[in-house]
Structure formats: C-alpha cells, structure tokens
Amino acid sequence: MKLKQVVLGSIFAAIASVANAGLLDGKTVKFEYFYPDLSSPYYGSPNGNYVVGAGVEVSPIVDGNGALDLQSDGFTVNFGNSVGFSNGTFNGFVISDVNSTIAPFTSFTLITNTAGGPNPTLSFDADNLYVNWQGLSYSGGELVFAVNAVPEPETYAMLLAGVGLLGFVARRRKQALAA
C-alpha cells in the first residue's frame, strides 16, 4: 500500500511542477522602445527579439539607461542612476509575444517601485505589455512588474488529473480502513 502512495504522490508532484512552469520562461519576446508615440520606434534602444532566461535580457533599455530582466512571471527594470523621460504620447517600451506561444495576458501590475519616482502608466492586450513613463523621472532603483495570463487548457487538464488522483487515494484509503 505504501508503494502505491509513493507512486501516486510522485505523479501528483510531477503534474503540479509542470502546471507551475513560468509564463515567460524560454519564450521569445520582442522588446521595442517607442518615442514620441506608439507609431515611432526609437532607435536609441536595442529593439529586437530576446529569449527569456537567466540574467538581464536588455541593457541599456534606452539612451544608456536602465536594464530589463525578464523572469518567469514578470520583469524588473533597474535604473542604476537618475533618469528622466520627455513628454510625448508614449515614451516607453512594449514587450510582445513574438511566436504566439504565450497564453493571452490577463493582468499587468507594478508590484514594487524603489526607483524614487511615480508609477508609470501600464496597459496590456492579449499579446502586448506597455510601459509608458512619459514625463516621469527616477532617482535610481527598481521597478518590479507581475504578469498573469489565461491558463492553458493543459493546466486545467493537469489540475483535474491531480484532483482525480487525490480522490482515488482517498477512496482506496477509505476502502482499506473499512476492510
């Protein structure tokens, strides 16, 4: 009986670990800076495609300032020194799902701001995250962002399989106690 519980526990743990894989891990995203509006790519920035992995992906973000570290379920912007952004309709960057391999975004929030300035304007749609800091200034520090997405159908299937396994174990245990 113990062997069955160990096997079922191992299967459940494997299912749970797959279900918790990061939203952005290993995905290719496009980083593009825009100024003075969203129809004007800014060429003082390393615009291009980046694979999300360990370490900083984009540095500097714009005009020698900032570093962007994409993580499994969000990203961090680090300003090592003071920086100010000119006014315009849009002065910021967009992160896009290049290969349509990321589930549609459902929320995008700023978790922490230690950069000594106001919060940027954030927006999103299914495939894009927009960070607009037009007219803002920062004295240095970090801004930490979180991203959520619609769970993939496989996540629901894994959840149902896990609940089913738990039900199976509980039923077997009840039968064993009744015998």
C-alpha atoms as a PDB file:
ATOM      1  CA  MET A   1       0.000   0.000   0.000  1.00  0.00           C
ATOM      2  CA  LYS A   2       2.839   2.442   0.840  1.00  0.00           C
ATOM      3  CA  LEU A   3       4.423   1.893  -2.580  1.00  0.00           C
ATOM      4  CA  LYS A   4       1.179   2.916  -4.316  1.00  0.00           C
ATOM      5  CA  GLN A   5       1.005   6.080  -2.213  1.00  0.00           C
ATOM      6  CA  VAL A   6       4.602   6.966  -3.052  1.00  0.00           C
ATOM      7  CA  VAL A   7       3.986   6.389  -6.775  1.00  0.00           C
ATOM      8  CA  LEU A   8       0.764   8.431  -6.763  1.00  0.00           C
ATOM      9  CA  GLY A   9       2.449  11.184  -4.757  1.00  0.00           C
ATOM     10  CA  SER A  10       5.305  11.312  -7.259  1.00  0.00           C
ATOM     11  CA  ILE A  11       2.881  11.527 -10.182  1.00  0.00           C
ATOM     12  CA  PHE A  12       0.948  14.314  -8.476  1.00  0.00           C
ATOM     13  CA  ALA A  13       4.166  16.237  -7.729  1.00  0.00           C
ATOM     14  CA  ALA A  14       5.253  15.928 -11.364  1.00  0.00           C
ATOM     15  CA  ILE A  15       1.881  17.215 -12.564  1.00  0.00           C
ATOM     16  CA  ALA A  16       1.998  20.124 -10.128  1.00  0.00           C
ATOM     17  CA  SER A  17       5.518  21.131 -11.193  1.00  0.00           C
ATOM     18  CA  VAL A  18       4.549  21.185 -14.877  1.00  0.00           C
ATOM     19  CA  ALA A  19       1.444  23.229 -14.079  1.00  0.00           C
ATOM     20  CA  ASN A  20       3.601  25.846 -12.304  1.00  0.00           C
ATOM     21  CA  ALA A  21       6.042  26.418 -15.178  1.00  0.00           C
ATOM     22  CA  GLY A  22       6.688  30.132 -15.709  1.00  0.00           C
ATOM     23  CA  LEU A  23       4.616  32.093 -18.169  1.00  0.00           C
ATOM     24  CA  LEU A  24       7.614  33.642 -19.952  1.00  0.00           C
ATOM     25  CA  ASP A  25      10.383  31.078 -19.292  1.00  0.00           C
ATOM     26  CA  GLY A  26      12.147  30.117 -22.515  1.00  0.00           C
ATOM     27  CA  LYS A  27       9.758  32.173 -24.678  1.00  0.00           C
ATOM     28  CA  THR A  28      10.891  34.645 -27.326  1.00  0.00           C
ATOM     29  CA  VAL A  29       9.592  38.163 -26.774  1.00  0.00           C
ATOM     30  CA  LYS A  30      10.072  41.333 -28.757  1.00  0.00           C
ATOM     31  CA  PHE A  31      11.307  44.410 -26.901  1.00  0.00           C
ATOM     32  CA  GLU A  32      10.658  47.689 -28.678  1.00  0.00           C
ATOM     33  CA  TYR A  33      11.037  51.230 -27.368  1.00  0.00           C
ATOM     34  CA  PHE A  34       8.781  53.985 -28.751  1.00  0.00           C
ATOM     35  CA  TYR A  35       9.015  57.759 -28.616  1.00  0.00           C
ATOM     36  CA  PRO A  36       7.215  60.184 -29.052  1.00  0.00           C
ATOM     37  CA  ASP A  37       4.256  57.879 -29.816  1.00  0.00           C
ATOM     38  CA  LEU A  38       3.457  54.213 -30.477  1.00  0.00           C
ATOM     39  CA  SER A  39       3.959  54.631 -34.219  1.00  0.00           C
ATOM     40  CA  SER A  40       7.569  55.822 -33.781  1.00  0.00           C
ATOM     41  CA  PRO A  41      10.146  53.162 -32.828  1.00  0.00           C
ATOM     42  CA  TYR A  42      13.049  54.825 -31.022  1.00  0.00           C
ATOM     43  CA  TYR A  43      16.452  53.815 -32.352  1.00  0.00           C
ATOM     44  CA  GLY A  44      18.421  54.803 -29.216  1.00  0.00           C
ATOM     45  CA  SER A  45      17.349  51.448 -27.815  1.00  0.00           C
ATOM     46  CA  PRO A  46      18.316  47.809 -28.506  1.00  0.00           C
ATOM     47  CA  ASN A  47      14.987  46.884 -30.100  1.00  0.00           C
ATOM     48  CA  GLY A  48      14.713  43.228 -31.034  1.00  0.00           C
ATOM     49  CA  ASN A  49      13.812  39.690 -30.042  1.00  0.00           C
ATOM     50  CA  TYR A  50      15.019  38.192 -26.752  1.00  0.00           C
ATOM     51  CA  VAL A  51      14.686  34.714 -25.245  1.00  0.00           C
ATOM     52  CA  VAL A  52      13.594  34.872 -21.591  1.00  0.00           C
ATOM     53  CA  GLY A  53      16.174  33.147 -19.419  1.00  0.00           C
ATOM     54  CA  ALA A  54      18.570  33.755 -16.567  1.00  0.00           C
ATOM     55  CA  GLY A  55      20.056  37.236 -16.277  1.00  0.00           C
ATOM     56  CA  VAL A  56      19.380  40.612 -17.843  1.00  0.00           C
ATOM     57  CA  GLU A  57      17.972  40.480 -21.373  1.00  0.00           C
ATOM     58  CA  VAL A  58      18.015  44.171 -22.366  1.00  0.00           C
ATOM     59  CA  SER A  59      20.703  46.622 -21.273  1.00  0.00           C
ATOM     60  CA  PRO A  60      20.607  49.525 -21.638  1.00  0.00           C
ATOM     61  CA  ILE A  61      16.872  49.997 -22.161  1.00  0.00           C
ATOM     62  CA  VAL A  62      17.167  53.455 -23.714  1.00  0.00           C
ATOM     63  CA  ASP A  63      19.905  56.059 -24.202  1.00  0.00           C
ATOM     64  CA  GLY A  64      22.363  54.251 -21.908  1.00  0.00           C
ATOM     65  CA  ASN A  65      19.878  53.965 -19.033  1.00  0.00           C
ATOM     66  CA  GLY A  66      18.267  51.020 -17.284  1.00  0.00           C
ATOM     67  CA  ALA A  67      18.357  47.239 -17.501  1.00  0.00           C
ATOM     68  CA  LEU A  68      15.442  44.895 -18.169  1.00  0.00           C
ATOM     69  CA  ASP A  69      15.461  41.442 -16.575  1.00  0.00           C
ATOM     70  CA  LEU A  70      12.595  39.288 -17.804  1.00  0.00           C
ATOM     71  CA  GLN A  71      11.565  36.497 -15.416  1.00  0.00           C
ATOM     72  CA  SER A  72       9.071  33.661 -15.430  1.00  0.00           C
ATOM     73  CA  ASP A  73       6.004  35.719 -14.486  1.00  0.00           C
ATOM     74  CA  GLY A  74       7.108  39.318 -14.866  1.00  0.00           C
ATOM     75  CA  PHE A  75      10.155  41.537 -15.154  1.00  0.00           C
ATOM     76  CA  THR A  76      12.334  44.026 -13.320  1.00  0.00           C
ATOM     77  CA  VAL A  77      13.578  47.380 -14.583  1.00  0.00           C
ATOM     78  CA  ASN A  78      16.664  48.647 -12.767  1.00  0.00           C
ATOM     79  CA  PHE A  79      17.860  52.223 -13.017  1.00  0.00           C
ATOM     80  CA  GLY A  80      21.407  52.489 -11.665  1.00  0.00           C
ATOM     81  CA  ASN A  81      21.286  56.281 -11.763  1.00  0.00           C
ATOM     82  CA  SER A  82      18.852  59.171 -12.167  1.00  0.00           C
ATOM     83  CA  VAL A  83      16.896  59.266 -15.392  1.00  0.00           C
ATOM     84  CA  GLY A  84      14.139  61.475 -16.803  1.00  0.00           C
ATOM     85  CA  PHE A  85      11.762  60.831 -19.688  1.00  0.00           C
ATOM     86  CA  SER A  86      10.497  63.508 -22.062  1.00  0.00           C
ATOM     87  CA  ASN A  87       6.821  64.172 -22.622  1.00  0.00           C
ATOM     88  CA  GLY A  88       5.079  62.631 -25.576  1.00  0.00           C
ATOM     89  CA  THR A  89       2.057  60.498 -26.219  1.00  0.00           C
ATOM     90  CA  PHE A  90       4.185  57.431 -25.474  1.00  0.00           C
ATOM     91  CA  ASN A  91       7.726  57.312 -24.110  1.00  0.00           C
ATOM     92  CA  GLY A  92       8.327  53.730 -23.090  1.00  0.00           C
ATOM     93  CA  PHE A  93       8.541  50.158 -24.274  1.00  0.00           C
ATOM     94  CA  VAL A  94       6.371  47.297 -25.429  1.00  0.00           C
ATOM     95  CA  ILE A  95       7.018  43.628 -24.789  1.00  0.00           C
ATOM     96  CA  SER A  96       5.281  41.403 -27.336  1.00  0.00           C
ATOM     97  CA  ASP A  97       4.703  37.687 -27.801  1.00  0.00           C
ATOM     98  CA  VAL A  98       6.698  37.018 -30.996  1.00  0.00           C
ATOM     99  CA  ASN A  99       5.727  33.412 -31.771  1.00  0.00           C
ATOM    100  CA  SER A 100       2.223  33.318 -30.233  1.00  0.00           C
ATOM    101  CA  THR A 101       3.462  30.813 -27.642  1.00  0.00           C
ATOM    102  CA  ILE A 102       2.474  32.768 -24.515  1.00  0.00           C
ATOM    103  CA  ALA A 103      -1.066  32.477 -23.169  1.00  0.00           C
ATOM    104  CA  PRO A 104      -3.088  35.716 -23.533  1.00  0.00           C
ATOM    105  CA  PHE A 105      -2.203  38.292 -20.880  1.00  0.00           C
ATOM    106  CA  THR A 106      -4.993  38.956 -18.326  1.00  0.00           C
ATOM    107  CA  SER A 107      -3.303  41.395 -15.943  1.00  0.00           C
ATOM    108  CA  PHE A 108      -0.195  43.517 -15.654  1.00  0.00           C
ATOM    109  CA  THR A 109       0.733  45.283 -12.423  1.00  0.00           C
ATOM    110  CA  LEU A 110       3.576  47.127 -10.742  1.00  0.00           C
ATOM    111  CA  ILE A 111       4.466  45.285  -7.528  1.00  0.00           C
ATOM    112  CA  THR A 112       7.381  47.363  -6.217  1.00  0.00           C
ATOM    113  CA  ASN A 113       8.786  50.802  -7.030  1.00  0.00           C
ATOM    114  CA  THR A 114      12.026  51.709  -5.238  1.00  0.00           C
ATOM    115  CA  ALA A 115      13.212  53.951  -8.077  1.00  0.00           C
ATOM    116  CA  GLY A 116      12.300  57.224  -6.338  1.00  0.00           C
ATOM    117  CA  GLY A 117       9.637  58.280  -8.804  1.00  0.00           C
ATOM    118  CA  PRO A 118       5.967  57.905  -9.670  1.00  0.00           C
ATOM    119  CA  ASN A 119       4.466  54.774 -11.163  1.00  0.00           C
ATOM    120  CA  PRO A 120       4.493  54.511 -14.966  1.00  0.00           C
ATOM    121  CA  THR A 121       1.281  54.065 -16.918  1.00  0.00           C
ATOM    122  CA  LEU A 122       0.728  50.368 -17.657  1.00  0.00           C
ATOM    123  CA  SER A 123      -1.585  48.764 -20.169  1.00  0.00           C
ATOM    124  CA  PHE A 124      -1.855  45.448 -21.950  1.00  0.00           C
ATOM    125  CA  ASP A 125      -3.759  43.449 -24.504  1.00  0.00           C
ATOM    126  CA  ALA A 126      -3.681  39.703 -25.208  1.00  0.00           C
ATOM    127  CA  ASP A 127      -0.175  39.767 -26.741  1.00  0.00           C
ATOM    128  CA  ASN A 128       1.477  43.014 -25.572  1.00  0.00           C
ATOM    129  CA  LEU A 129       2.598  44.734 -22.377  1.00  0.00           C
ATOM    130  CA  TYR A 130       3.002  48.536 -22.485  1.00  0.00           C
ATOM    131  CA  VAL A 131       5.136  50.573 -20.043  1.00  0.00           C
ATOM    132  CA  ASN A 132       4.766  54.331 -20.592  1.00  0.00           C
ATOM    133  CA  TRP A 133       6.842  56.668 -18.425  1.00  0.00           C
ATOM    134  CA  GLN A 134       6.480  59.830 -20.477  1.00  0.00           C
ATOM    135  CA  GLY A 135       7.310  62.912 -18.410  1.00  0.00           C
ATOM    136  CA  LEU A 136       8.449  60.889 -15.357  1.00  0.00           C
ATOM    137  CA  SER A 137      11.792  60.949 -13.515  1.00  0.00           C
ATOM    138  CA  TYR A 138      13.533  58.365 -11.324  1.00  0.00           C
ATOM    139  CA  SER A 139      16.479  58.741  -8.961  1.00  0.00           C
ATOM    140  CA  GLY A 140      17.638  55.127  -9.292  1.00  0.00           C
ATOM    141  CA  GLY A 141      16.319  51.791  -8.056  1.00  0.00           C
ATOM    142  CA  GLU A 142      13.995  49.058  -9.263  1.00  0.00           C
ATOM    143  CA  LEU A 143      10.504  48.688 -10.611  1.00  0.00           C
ATOM    144  CA  VAL A 144       9.151  45.130 -10.381  1.00  0.00           C
ATOM    145  CA  PHE A 145       6.240  44.094 -12.586  1.00  0.00           C
ATOM    146  CA  ALA A 146       3.994  40.993 -12.495  1.00  0.00           C
ATOM    147  CA  VAL A 147       2.190  39.466 -15.471  1.00  0.00           C
ATOM    148  CA  ASN A 148      -0.670  36.950 -15.470  1.00  0.00           C
ATOM    149  CA  ALA A 149      -2.260  35.071 -18.321  1.00  0.00           C
ATOM    150  CA  VAL A 150      -5.208  32.851 -19.118  1.00  0.00           C
ATOM    151  CA  PRO A 151      -4.218  29.324 -18.067  1.00  0.00           C
ATOM    152  CA  GLU A 152      -3.557  26.946 -20.945  1.00  0.00           C
ATOM    153  CA  PRO A 153      -6.052  24.056 -21.395  1.00  0.00           C
ATOM    154  CA  GLU A 154      -3.263  21.673 -20.341  1.00  0.00           C
ATOM    155  CA  THR A 155      -3.169  23.383 -16.938  1.00  0.00           C
ATOM    156  CA  TYR A 156      -6.847  22.619 -16.379  1.00  0.00           C
ATOM    157  CA  ALA A 157      -6.308  19.021 -17.524  1.00  0.00           C
ATOM    158  CA  MET A 158      -3.408  18.640 -15.089  1.00  0.00           C
ATOM    159  CA  LEU A 159      -5.497  20.143 -12.284  1.00  0.00           C
ATOM    160  CA  LEU A 160      -8.333  17.696 -12.971  1.00  0.00           C
ATOM    161  CA  ALA A 161      -5.885  14.781 -13.125  1.00  0.00           C
ATOM    162  CA  GLY A 162      -4.406  15.819  -9.774  1.00  0.00           C
ATOM    163  CA  VAL A 163      -7.827  16.126  -8.145  1.00  0.00           C
ATOM    164  CA  GLY A 164      -8.745  12.738  -9.601  1.00  0.00           C
ATOM    165  CA  LEU A 165      -5.599  11.185  -8.151  1.00  0.00           C
ATOM    166  CA  LEU A 166      -6.359  12.665  -4.747  1.00  0.00           C
ATOM    167  CA  GLY A 167      -9.900  11.256  -4.933  1.00  0.00           C
ATOM    168  CA  PHE A 168      -8.551   7.847  -5.937  1.00  0.00           C
ATOM    169  CA  VAL A 169      -6.117   7.799  -2.989  1.00  0.00           C
ATOM    170  CA  ALA A 170      -8.857   8.892  -0.553  1.00  0.00           C
ATOM    171  CA  ARG A 171     -11.225   6.200  -1.850  1.00  0.00           C
ATOM    172  CA  ARG A 172      -8.581   3.480  -1.567  1.00  0.00           C
ATOM    173  CA  ARG A 173      -7.727   4.613   1.951  1.00  0.00           C
ATOM    174  CA  LYS A 174     -11.405   4.547   2.964  1.00  0.00           C
ATOM    175  CA  GLN A 175     -11.809   1.041   1.487  1.00  0.00           C
ATOM    176  CA  ALA A 176      -8.698  -0.165   3.333  1.00  0.00           C
ATOM    177  CA  LEU A 177      -9.970   1.201   6.642  1.00  0.00           C
ATOM    178  CA  ALA A 178     -13.416  -0.396   6.122  1.00  0.00           C
ATOM    179  CA  ALA A 179     -11.860  -3.843   5.466  1.00  0.00           C
END
